[in-house]
């Protein structure tokens, strides 16, 4: 029932290869997860910048509308 010396060496090599494959796959999964999180963070920052631009655009547009309405009232008052 016992393994011969050659069989034991082959079994240890197989176990070592399985262990190395597990470590490599775990490393790749961790690396992919970190890359995905970096992409999400970059996308989040990009979206925040877009929102800031849109808010600035909205405020500028609102100010222009107010000025237009004010000018319109002045023209009506002059007539």
N, C-alpha and C. Protein backbone atom coordinates (compact mmCIF):
# COMPACT_ATOMS: atom_id res chain seq x y z
N UNK A 1 0.81 -1.18 0.00
CA UNK A 1 0.00 0.00 0.00
C UNK A 1 0.86 1.26 0.00
N UNK A 2 2.06 1.14 0.44
CA UNK A 2 2.93 2.32 0.47
C UNK A 2 3.45 2.62 -0.91
N UNK A 3 3.77 3.92 -1.10
CA UNK A 3 4.28 4.35 -2.39
C UNK A 3 5.79 4.13 -2.46
N UNK A 4 6.25 3.88 -3.66
CA UNK A 4 7.70 3.75 -3.81
C UNK A 4 8.31 5.15 -3.76
N UNK A 5 9.63 5.20 -3.68
CA UNK A 5 10.32 6.48 -3.57
C UNK A 5 10.05 7.36 -4.79
N UNK A 6 10.02 6.79 -5.96
CA UNK A 6 9.75 7.53 -7.19
C UNK A 6 8.31 8.07 -7.19
N UNK A 7 7.39 7.26 -6.75
CA UNK A 7 5.99 7.69 -6.68
C UNK A 7 5.82 8.83 -5.68
N UNK A 8 6.53 8.77 -4.56
CA UNK A 8 6.47 9.84 -3.57
C UNK A 8 7.00 11.15 -4.15
N UNK A 9 8.10 11.08 -4.87
CA UNK A 9 8.68 12.28 -5.49
C UNK A 9 7.69 12.87 -6.49
N UNK A 10 7.08 12.02 -7.30
CA UNK A 10 6.10 12.49 -8.28
C UNK A 10 4.90 13.12 -7.56
N UNK A 11 4.45 12.53 -6.46
CA UNK A 11 3.33 13.07 -5.70
C UNK A 11 3.69 14.43 -5.11
N UNK A 12 4.91 14.57 -4.56
CA UNK A 12 5.34 15.88 -4.02
C UNK A 12 5.43 16.93 -5.11
N UNK A 13 5.95 16.54 -6.27
CA UNK A 13 6.04 17.49 -7.40
C UNK A 13 4.64 17.91 -7.83
N UNK A 14 3.72 16.98 -7.91
CA UNK A 14 2.34 17.30 -8.30
C UNK A 14 1.71 18.24 -7.28
N UNK A 15 1.92 17.97 -6.00
CA UNK A 15 1.38 18.85 -4.96
C UNK A 15 1.99 20.24 -5.05
N UNK A 16 3.27 20.29 -5.30
CA UNK A 16 3.95 21.58 -5.44
C UNK A 16 3.42 22.37 -6.63
N UNK A 17 3.22 21.69 -7.75
CA UNK A 17 2.67 22.36 -8.93
C UNK A 17 1.25 22.86 -8.69
N UNK A 18 0.44 22.06 -8.01
CA UNK A 18 -0.93 22.49 -7.67
C UNK A 18 -0.89 23.71 -6.77
N UNK A 19 0.00 23.71 -5.80
CA UNK A 19 0.14 24.84 -4.89
C UNK A 19 0.60 26.10 -5.63
N UNK A 20 1.58 25.94 -6.51
CA UNK A 20 2.07 27.07 -7.30
C UNK A 20 0.96 27.61 -8.20
N UNK A 21 0.19 26.73 -8.83
CA UNK A 21 -0.91 27.16 -9.69
C UNK A 21 -1.96 27.93 -8.89
N UNK A 22 -2.24 27.47 -7.68
CA UNK A 22 -3.20 28.15 -6.81
C UNK A 22 -2.70 29.55 -6.45
N UNK A 23 -1.43 29.66 -6.10
CA UNK A 23 -0.86 30.96 -5.74
C UNK A 23 -0.89 31.91 -6.93
N UNK A 24 -0.54 31.42 -8.10
CA UNK A 24 -0.53 32.26 -9.30
C UNK A 24 -1.94 32.73 -9.64
N UNK A 25 -2.92 31.82 -9.59
CA UNK A 25 -4.29 32.22 -9.91
C UNK A 25 -4.83 33.22 -8.89
N UNK A 26 -4.49 33.04 -7.62
CA UNK A 26 -4.91 33.99 -6.59
C UNK A 26 -4.28 35.36 -6.83
N UNK A 27 -3.00 35.36 -7.19
CA UNK A 27 -2.30 36.62 -7.48
C UNK A 27 -2.96 37.34 -8.65
N UNK A 28 -3.29 36.60 -9.71
CA UNK A 28 -3.93 37.20 -10.88
C UNK A 28 -5.30 37.77 -10.52
N UNK A 29 -6.06 37.04 -9.71
CA UNK A 29 -7.38 37.53 -9.29
C UNK A 29 -7.26 38.81 -8.49
N UNK A 30 -6.30 38.86 -7.58
CA UNK A 30 -6.10 40.06 -6.77
C UNK A 30 -5.68 41.22 -7.65
N UNK A 31 -4.78 40.97 -8.59
CA UNK A 31 -4.32 42.02 -9.50
C UNK A 31 -5.48 42.54 -10.34
N UNK A 32 -6.31 41.66 -10.87
CA UNK A 32 -7.47 42.08 -11.66
C UNK A 32 -8.45 42.90 -10.83
N UNK A 33 -8.66 42.48 -9.59
CA UNK A 33 -9.56 43.22 -8.71
C UNK A 33 -9.03 44.62 -8.44
N UNK A 34 -7.74 44.73 -8.20
CA UNK A 34 -7.14 46.04 -7.96
C UNK A 34 -7.25 46.92 -9.20
N UNK A 35 -7.01 46.36 -10.38
CA UNK A 35 -7.15 47.11 -11.63
C UNK A 35 -8.58 47.59 -11.84
N UNK A 36 -9.55 46.73 -11.55
CA UNK A 36 -10.96 47.12 -11.69
C UNK A 36 -11.30 48.26 -10.74
N UNK A 37 -10.80 48.19 -9.51
CA UNK A 37 -11.08 49.26 -8.55
C UNK A 37 -10.44 50.57 -8.99
N UNK A 38 -9.25 50.50 -9.55
CA UNK A 38 -8.60 51.72 -10.06
C UNK A 38 -9.41 52.31 -11.21
N UNK A 39 -9.91 51.46 -12.09
CA UNK A 39 -10.74 51.94 -13.20
C UNK A 39 -12.02 52.59 -12.68
N UNK A 40 -12.64 51.97 -11.69
CA UNK A 40 -13.85 52.54 -11.12
C UNK A 40 -13.57 53.90 -10.49
N UNK A 41 -12.45 54.00 -9.79
CA UNK A 41 -12.08 55.26 -9.14
C UNK A 41 -11.82 56.34 -10.19
N UNK A 42 -11.13 55.98 -11.27
CA UNK A 42 -10.86 56.94 -12.34
C UNK A 42 -12.17 57.38 -13.00
N UNK A 43 -13.08 56.43 -13.22
CA UNK A 43 -14.37 56.76 -13.81
C UNK A 43 -15.17 57.67 -12.88
N UNK A 44 -15.10 57.38 -11.59
CA UNK A 44 -15.80 58.20 -10.60
C UNK A 44 -15.28 59.64 -10.63
N UNK A 45 -13.96 59.81 -10.67
CA UNK A 45 -13.38 61.15 -10.73
C UNK A 45 -13.78 61.86 -12.01
N UNK A 46 -13.78 61.13 -13.13
CA UNK A 46 -14.18 61.71 -14.41
C UNK A 46 -15.64 62.17 -14.36
N UNK A 47 -16.50 61.36 -13.78
CA UNK A 47 -17.91 61.72 -13.66
C UNK A 47 -18.09 62.93 -12.75
N UNK A 48 -17.31 63.00 -11.68
CA UNK A 48 -17.39 64.16 -10.78
C UNK A 48 -16.99 65.43 -11.51
N UNK A 49 -15.96 65.35 -12.34
CA UNK A 49 -15.53 66.52 -13.12
C UNK A 49 -16.63 66.93 -14.10
N UNK A 50 -17.26 65.96 -14.74
CA UNK A 50 -18.35 66.27 -15.67
C UNK A 50 -19.50 66.95 -14.93
N UNK A 51 -19.81 66.46 -13.74
CA UNK A 51 -20.89 67.05 -12.95
C UNK A 51 -20.54 68.49 -12.57
N UNK A 52 -19.30 68.73 -12.19
CA UNK A 52 -18.88 70.09 -11.86
C UNK A 52 -19.04 71.02 -13.05
N UNK A 53 -18.67 70.53 -14.24
CA UNK A 53 -18.81 71.34 -15.46
C UNK A 53 -20.29 71.62 -15.73
N UNK A 54 -21.13 70.61 -15.56
CA UNK A 54 -22.56 70.80 -15.79
C UNK A 54 -23.17 71.78 -14.80
N UNK A 55 -22.73 71.71 -13.55
CA UNK A 55 -23.23 72.64 -12.54
C UNK A 55 -22.80 74.07 -12.90
N UNK A 56 -21.57 74.22 -13.31
CA UNK A 56 -21.08 75.54 -13.72
C UNK A 56 -21.88 76.05 -14.92
N UNK A 57 -22.12 75.17 -15.88
CA UNK A 57 -22.92 75.54 -17.05
C UNK A 57 -24.32 75.96 -16.63
N UNK A 58 -24.93 75.21 -15.74
CA UNK A 58 -26.28 75.51 -15.26
C UNK A 58 -26.31 76.87 -14.57
N UNK A 59 -25.34 77.13 -13.70
CA UNK A 59 -25.30 78.41 -12.98
C UNK A 59 -25.11 79.57 -13.96
N UNK A 60 -24.24 79.38 -14.94
CA UNK A 60 -24.01 80.42 -15.94
C UNK A 60 -25.27 80.68 -16.74
N UNK A 61 -25.94 79.61 -17.13
CA UNK A 61 -27.17 79.74 -17.90
C UNK A 61 -28.24 80.44 -17.08
N UNK A 62 -28.37 80.09 -15.81
CA UNK A 62 -29.35 80.73 -14.94
C UNK A 62 -29.06 82.22 -14.79
N UNK A 63 -27.78 82.56 -14.64
CA UNK A 63 -27.40 83.97 -14.52
C UNK A 63 -27.74 84.73 -15.81
N UNK A 64 -27.48 84.13 -16.95
CA UNK A 64 -27.80 84.78 -18.23
C UNK A 64 -29.31 84.97 -18.39
N UNK A 65 -30.07 83.99 -17.97
CA UNK A 65 -31.52 84.10 -18.06
C UNK A 65 -32.01 85.25 -17.17
N UNK A 66 -31.46 85.36 -15.97
CA UNK A 66 -31.84 86.45 -15.07
C UNK A 66 -31.50 87.80 -15.68
N UNK A 67 -30.31 87.90 -16.26
CA UNK A 67 -29.91 89.16 -16.90
C UNK A 67 -30.83 89.48 -18.08
N UNK A 68 -31.19 88.47 -18.85
CA UNK A 68 -32.08 88.68 -19.97
C UNK A 68 -33.44 89.18 -19.50
N UNK A 69 -33.97 88.54 -18.46
CA UNK A 69 -35.27 88.96 -17.92
C UNK A 69 -35.20 90.40 -17.39
N UNK A 70 -34.11 90.71 -16.72
CA UNK A 70 -33.93 92.06 -16.19
C UNK A 70 -33.87 93.08 -17.34
N UNK A 71 -33.13 92.76 -18.40
CA UNK A 71 -33.03 93.64 -19.56
C UNK A 71 -34.39 93.76 -20.24
N UNK A 72 -35.11 92.69 -20.30
CA UNK A 72 -36.44 92.69 -20.92
C UNK A 72 -37.39 93.61 -20.14
N UNK A 73 -37.32 93.57 -18.82
CA UNK A 73 -38.15 94.45 -17.99
C UNK A 73 -37.77 95.90 -18.21
N UNK A 74 -36.50 96.17 -18.32
CA UNK A 74 -36.04 97.54 -18.54
C UNK A 74 -36.55 98.06 -19.88
N UNK A 75 -36.52 97.22 -20.90
CA UNK A 75 -37.01 97.63 -22.21
C UNK A 75 -38.52 97.93 -22.14
N UNK A 76 -39.26 97.10 -21.43
CA UNK A 76 -40.72 97.32 -21.29
C UNK A 76 -40.98 98.61 -20.54
N UNK A 77 -40.21 98.88 -19.49
CA UNK A 77 -40.40 100.09 -18.71
C UNK A 77 -40.07 101.35 -19.53
N UNK A 78 -39.11 101.26 -20.41
CA UNK A 78 -38.74 102.40 -21.26
C UNK A 78 -39.82 102.68 -22.30
N UNK A 79 -40.55 101.69 -22.72
CA UNK A 79 -41.60 101.90 -23.74
C UNK A 79 -42.81 102.46 -23.10
